[in-house]
N, C-alpha and C. Protein backbone atom coordinates (compact mmCIF):
# COMPACT_ATOMS: atom_id res chain seq x y z
N UNK A 1 104.83 102.88 98.83
CA UNK A 1 104.55 101.80 99.90
C UNK A 1 103.47 101.88 100.51
N UNK A 2 102.45 100.97 100.64
CA UNK A 2 101.23 101.25 101.56
C UNK A 2 101.64 101.05 103.20
N UNK A 3 101.35 101.85 103.83
CA UNK A 3 101.36 101.63 105.38
C UNK A 3 101.05 100.28 105.92
N UNK A 4 101.80 99.67 106.62
CA UNK A 4 101.69 98.19 107.23
C UNK A 4 101.09 98.43 108.69
N UNK A 5 100.05 97.73 108.99
CA UNK A 5 99.08 97.89 110.38
C UNK A 5 99.32 96.25 111.26
N UNK A 6 99.31 97.04 112.10
CA UNK A 6 99.28 95.38 112.85
C UNK A 6 98.17 94.65 112.60
N UNK A 7 97.90 93.50 113.31
CA UNK A 7 95.94 92.58 112.73
C UNK A 7 95.26 93.86 113.96
N UNK A 8 95.58 93.91 115.11
CA UNK A 8 94.52 94.61 115.58
C UNK A 8 93.88 95.90 115.36
N UNK A 9 94.77 96.74 114.54
CA UNK A 9 94.66 97.95 114.17
C UNK A 9 94.04 97.74 112.91
N UNK A 10 94.05 96.43 112.14
CA UNK A 10 93.32 96.36 110.98
C UNK A 10 91.91 95.90 111.49
N UNK A 11 91.93 95.18 112.34
CA UNK A 11 90.67 94.86 112.80
C UNK A 11 90.01 95.85 113.13
N UNK A 12 90.49 96.78 114.22
CA UNK A 12 89.99 97.94 114.74
C UNK A 12 89.21 98.73 113.41
N UNK A 13 90.20 99.22 112.71
CA UNK A 13 89.64 100.19 111.36
C UNK A 13 88.40 99.41 110.79
N UNK A 14 88.37 97.94 110.09
CA UNK A 14 87.41 97.40 109.85
C UNK A 14 86.17 97.63 110.17
N UNK A 15 86.46 97.18 111.64
CA UNK A 15 85.18 97.36 112.96
C UNK A 15 84.35 98.79 112.63
N UNK A 16 85.31 99.68 112.59
CA UNK A 16 84.88 101.19 112.54
C UNK A 16 83.93 101.54 111.48
N UNK A 17 84.65 100.89 110.08
CA UNK A 17 83.55 100.98 108.76
C UNK A 17 83.05 100.46 108.85
N UNK A 18 82.54 99.28 109.47
CA UNK A 18 81.13 98.48 109.66
C UNK A 18 80.15 99.18 110.83
N UNK A 19 81.07 100.25 111.38
CA UNK A 19 80.13 100.38 112.02
C UNK A 19 79.77 99.92 113.71
N UNK A 20 80.50 98.96 113.85
CA UNK A 20 80.56 97.74 114.92
C UNK A 20 81.71 98.39 116.28
N UNK A 21 80.95 98.22 117.33
CA UNK A 21 81.73 98.63 118.50
C UNK A 21 82.42 97.04 119.39
N UNK A 22 83.54 96.79 119.94
CA UNK A 22 83.88 96.41 120.90
C UNK A 22 82.90 95.23 121.41
N UNK A 23 81.85 95.78 121.90
CA UNK A 23 81.11 94.84 122.75
C UNK A 23 80.00 94.48 121.88
N UNK A 24 79.46 94.97 120.50
CA UNK A 24 79.25 93.94 119.27
C UNK A 24 79.97 92.99 118.75
N UNK A 25 81.22 92.92 118.90
CA UNK A 25 82.08 92.20 118.44
C UNK A 25 82.15 90.92 119.25
N UNK A 26 82.23 91.26 120.28
CA UNK A 26 81.99 90.02 121.88
C UNK A 26 80.95 89.34 121.76
N UNK A 27 79.91 90.06 121.65
CA UNK A 27 78.73 89.80 121.30
C UNK A 27 78.34 88.03 120.27
N UNK A 28 79.01 88.69 119.19
CA UNK A 28 79.39 87.83 117.94
C UNK A 28 80.41 86.85 118.15
N UNK A 29 81.38 87.21 119.05
CA UNK A 29 82.42 86.19 119.16
C UNK A 29 82.15 85.43 120.54
N UNK A 30 81.07 85.82 121.23
CA UNK A 30 80.82 84.67 122.27
C UNK A 30 81.68 85.07 123.70
N UNK A 31 82.39 86.25 123.35
CA UNK A 31 83.52 86.61 124.47
C UNK A 31 82.65 87.84 125.68
N UNK A 32 83.25 87.61 126.48
CA UNK A 32 83.16 88.97 127.36
C UNK A 32 83.86 90.05 126.55
N UNK A 33 83.16 91.27 127.14
CA UNK A 33 83.88 92.67 126.57
C UNK A 33 85.08 92.72 127.07
N UNK A 34 85.22 92.75 128.20
CA UNK A 34 86.86 92.53 128.83
C UNK A 34 87.65 91.91 128.07
N UNK A 35 87.18 90.55 127.47
CA UNK A 35 88.21 89.82 126.86
C UNK A 35 88.56 90.24 125.44
N UNK A 36 87.55 90.86 125.20
CA UNK A 36 87.04 91.61 123.53
C UNK A 36 88.20 92.70 123.25
N UNK A 37 88.06 93.58 124.55
CA UNK A 37 89.00 94.65 124.36
C UNK A 37 90.23 94.06 124.95
N UNK A 38 90.53 93.13 125.18
CA UNK A 38 92.25 92.68 125.65
C UNK A 38 92.81 92.26 124.30
N UNK A 39 91.96 91.31 123.53
CA UNK A 39 91.71 90.67 121.85
C UNK A 39 92.01 92.18 121.31
N UNK A 40 91.64 93.13 121.51
CA UNK A 40 91.77 94.33 120.39
C UNK A 40 92.99 95.25 120.68
N UNK A 41 93.35 94.89 121.85
CA UNK A 41 94.77 95.79 122.61
C UNK A 41 95.95 95.02 122.06
N UNK A 42 96.00 93.84 121.52
CA UNK A 42 97.08 93.10 121.36
C UNK A 42 97.62 93.10 119.65
N UNK A 43 98.57 92.77 119.27
CA UNK A 43 99.04 93.24 117.98
C UNK A 43 99.42 91.64 117.15
N UNK A 44 99.01 90.52 118.67
CA UNK A 44 99.06 89.26 117.83
C UNK A 44 97.49 88.48 118.14
N UNK A 45 97.23 87.48 116.97
CA UNK A 45 95.90 86.65 117.53
C UNK A 45 96.25 85.48 117.14
N UNK A 46 94.93 84.55 117.68
CA UNK A 46 95.47 83.08 117.40
C UNK A 46 94.45 82.91 115.63
N UNK A 47 94.61 82.02 115.14
CA UNK A 47 94.47 81.87 113.74
C UNK A 47 92.84 81.63 113.80
N UNK A 48 92.55 80.82 114.36
CA UNK A 48 90.95 80.23 114.51
C UNK A 48 89.94 81.47 115.17
N UNK A 49 90.53 82.51 116.20
CA UNK A 49 89.74 84.03 116.05
C UNK A 49 90.12 84.55 115.32
N UNK A 50 90.92 85.06 114.25
CA UNK A 50 91.19 85.55 113.18
C UNK A 50 90.27 85.20 112.31
N UNK A 51 90.31 83.89 111.90
CA UNK A 51 89.14 83.40 111.05
C UNK A 51 87.29 83.51 111.36
N UNK A 52 87.40 83.66 112.66
CA UNK A 52 85.93 84.21 113.23
C UNK A 52 85.84 85.59 113.19
N UNK A 53 86.61 86.35 112.70
CA UNK A 53 86.30 87.86 112.87
C UNK A 53 86.49 87.99 111.07
N UNK A 54 87.04 87.42 110.67
CA UNK A 54 87.20 87.55 109.04
C UNK A 54 85.41 87.26 108.71
N UNK A 55 85.00 86.63 109.30
CA UNK A 55 83.81 85.57 108.97
C UNK A 55 82.49 87.34 109.30
N UNK A 56 82.72 87.36 110.42
CA UNK A 56 81.74 88.27 111.12
C UNK A 56 82.06 89.72 110.34
N UNK A 57 83.22 90.56 110.15
CA UNK A 57 83.85 91.22 109.42
C UNK A 57 83.62 91.19 107.80
N UNK A 58 83.30 90.07 107.21
CA UNK A 58 83.66 90.19 106.17
C UNK A 58 84.56 90.64 105.16
N UNK A 59 85.62 90.47 105.63
CA UNK A 59 87.20 90.91 105.49
C UNK A 59 88.23 89.62 105.91
N UNK A 60 88.79 89.32 104.43
CA UNK A 60 89.89 88.35 104.69
C UNK A 60 91.25 89.05 105.50
N UNK A 61 91.58 89.41 106.73
CA UNK A 61 92.69 89.81 106.60
C UNK A 61 94.17 89.06 106.58
N UNK A 62 93.91 87.08 106.34
CA UNK A 62 94.66 86.98 106.00
C UNK A 62 95.54 87.41 104.51
N UNK A 63 94.68 87.72 103.92
CA UNK A 63 95.18 87.97 102.51
C UNK A 63 95.39 89.46 102.88
N UNK A 64 95.03 90.47 103.55
CA UNK A 64 96.04 91.36 103.76
C UNK A 64 96.97 91.30 104.45
N UNK A 65 97.08 90.69 105.29
CA UNK A 65 98.61 90.04 105.83
C UNK A 65 99.64 89.29 104.82
N UNK A 66 99.03 88.81 103.92
CA UNK A 66 99.98 87.96 103.11
C UNK A 66 100.52 89.05 101.93
N UNK A 67 99.59 90.11 101.89
CA UNK A 67 99.86 91.46 100.80
C UNK A 67 100.81 91.98 101.53
N UNK A 68 100.73 92.20 102.67
CA UNK A 68 101.88 92.87 103.37
C UNK A 68 103.53 92.42 102.96
N UNK A 69 103.18 91.04 103.47
CA UNK A 69 104.70 90.11 103.47
C UNK A 69 104.90 90.07 101.91
N UNK A 70 104.16 89.93 100.97
CA UNK A 70 104.55 90.30 99.43
C UNK A 70 105.28 91.29 99.50
N UNK A 71 104.83 92.42 99.98
CA UNK A 71 105.47 93.83 99.48
C UNK A 71 106.83 93.65 100.30
N UNK A 72 107.24 92.97 101.37
CA UNK A 72 108.49 92.93 102.26
C UNK A 72 109.23 92.08 101.23
N UNK A 73 108.75 91.16 100.51
CA UNK A 73 109.51 90.16 99.99
C UNK A 73 109.89 91.07 98.57
N UNK A 74 108.78 91.38 97.63
CA UNK A 74 109.39 92.04 96.74
C UNK A 74 110.51 93.41 97.23
N UNK A 75 110.67 94.02 98.14
CA UNK A 75 111.37 94.98 98.25
C UNK A 75 113.27 94.18 99.02
N UNK A 76 113.13 93.14 99.66
CA UNK A 76 113.97 92.08 99.68
C UNK A 76 114.69 91.78 98.31
N UNK A 77 113.78 91.24 97.46
CA UNK A 77 114.34 90.86 96.40
C UNK A 77 114.97 92.13 95.41
N UNK A 78 114.66 93.21 95.63
CA UNK A 78 114.81 94.56 95.03
C UNK A 78 116.66 94.67 95.62
N UNK A 79 116.43 94.31 96.78
CA UNK A 79 117.81 94.60 97.69
C UNK A 79 118.78 93.40 97.02
N UNK A 80 118.17 92.64 96.55
CA UNK A 80 119.30 91.60 96.24
C UNK A 80 119.74 91.82 95.34
N UNK A 81 119.07 92.31 94.14
CA UNK A 81 119.15 92.54 92.57
C UNK A 81 120.12 93.69 92.75
N UNK A 82 120.02 94.58 93.71
CA UNK A 82 120.78 95.75 94.08
C UNK A 82 122.39 95.28 94.23
N UNK A 83 122.63 94.16 95.24
CA UNK A 83 123.43 93.83 95.98
C UNK A 83 124.21 93.01 94.51
N UNK A 84 123.72 92.16 93.70
CA UNK A 84 124.44 91.60 92.55
C UNK A 84 124.76 92.64 91.79
N UNK A 85 124.17 93.84 91.44
CA UNK A 85 124.15 94.71 90.77
C UNK A 85 125.91 95.27 91.26
N UNK A 86 125.94 95.34 92.38
CA UNK A 86 127.30 96.03 92.99
C UNK A 86 128.30 95.26 92.97
N UNK A 87 128.00 94.04 93.32
CA UNK A 87 129.08 93.07 93.03
C UNK A 87 130.11 92.69 91.47
N UNK A 88 128.88 93.04 90.83
CA UNK A 88 129.42 92.80 89.34
C UNK A 88 130.13 94.23 89.04
N UNK A 89 129.40 95.25 89.82
CA UNK A 89 130.63 96.54 89.26
C UNK A 89 131.84 96.65 90.15
N UNK A 90 131.68 95.86 91.69
CA UNK A 90 133.33 95.72 91.98
C UNK A 90 133.97 95.03 91.34
N UNK A 91 133.63 93.82 90.72
CA UNK A 91 134.50 92.80 89.91
C UNK A 91 135.30 93.90 88.70
N UNK A 92 134.26 94.47 87.91
CA UNK A 92 134.58 95.34 87.03
C UNK A 92 135.91 96.18 87.53
N UNK A 93 135.92 96.87 88.75
CA UNK A 93 136.53 98.24 89.03
C UNK A 93 137.97 96.96 89.62
N UNK A 94 137.77 95.65 89.96
CA UNK A 94 138.99 94.82 90.22
C UNK A 94 139.62 94.76 88.83
N UNK A 95 139.49 94.46 88.02
CA UNK A 95 139.71 94.15 86.83
C UNK A 95 140.38 95.38 85.95
N UNK A 96 139.35 96.53 85.93
CA UNK A 96 140.03 98.10 85.56
C UNK A 96 141.42 98.11 86.28
N UNK A 97 141.33 97.85 87.90
CA UNK A 97 142.84 98.30 88.82
C UNK A 97 144.16 97.28 87.89
N UNK A 98 143.32 95.98 88.09
CA UNK A 98 144.56 94.96 87.34
C UNK A 98 145.36 95.49 86.12
N UNK A 99 144.26 95.48 85.39
CA UNK A 99 144.52 96.22 83.86
C UNK A 99 145.70 97.63 83.91
N UNK A 100 145.35 98.31 85.09
CA UNK A 100 146.55 99.51 85.31
C UNK A 100 147.41 99.15 85.76
N UNK A 101 147.91 98.39 86.31
CA UNK A 101 149.03 97.51 87.42
C UNK A 101 148.66 97.68 88.54
N UNK A 102 147.50 97.72 88.99
CA UNK A 102 147.46 97.41 90.44
C UNK A 102 147.27 96.09 90.74
N UNK A 103 147.02 96.04 92.25
CA UNK A 103 147.13 94.45 92.77
C UNK A 103 145.76 93.91 92.10
């Protein structure tokens, strides 16, 4: 399973790949440099701001986050399958115990 990154780390990683520094992003977003550093220090972001950053970096962070959520859901589904298998095994064992004269 691939590592999950908070959104600010994903943005910083993509900025590095593009050779973009926070002051460059600040200019493109129309924000002060200090506000941009603050934005990049947080692991949450407003949807509209993320959409702007997606356009600037030509990266669909929404898809990246959705893919991470799907991986979580897939592992949850696997756990549900395991639970159902264990429940079935438990019922089988109860039946065997009853057949052998147990309660």
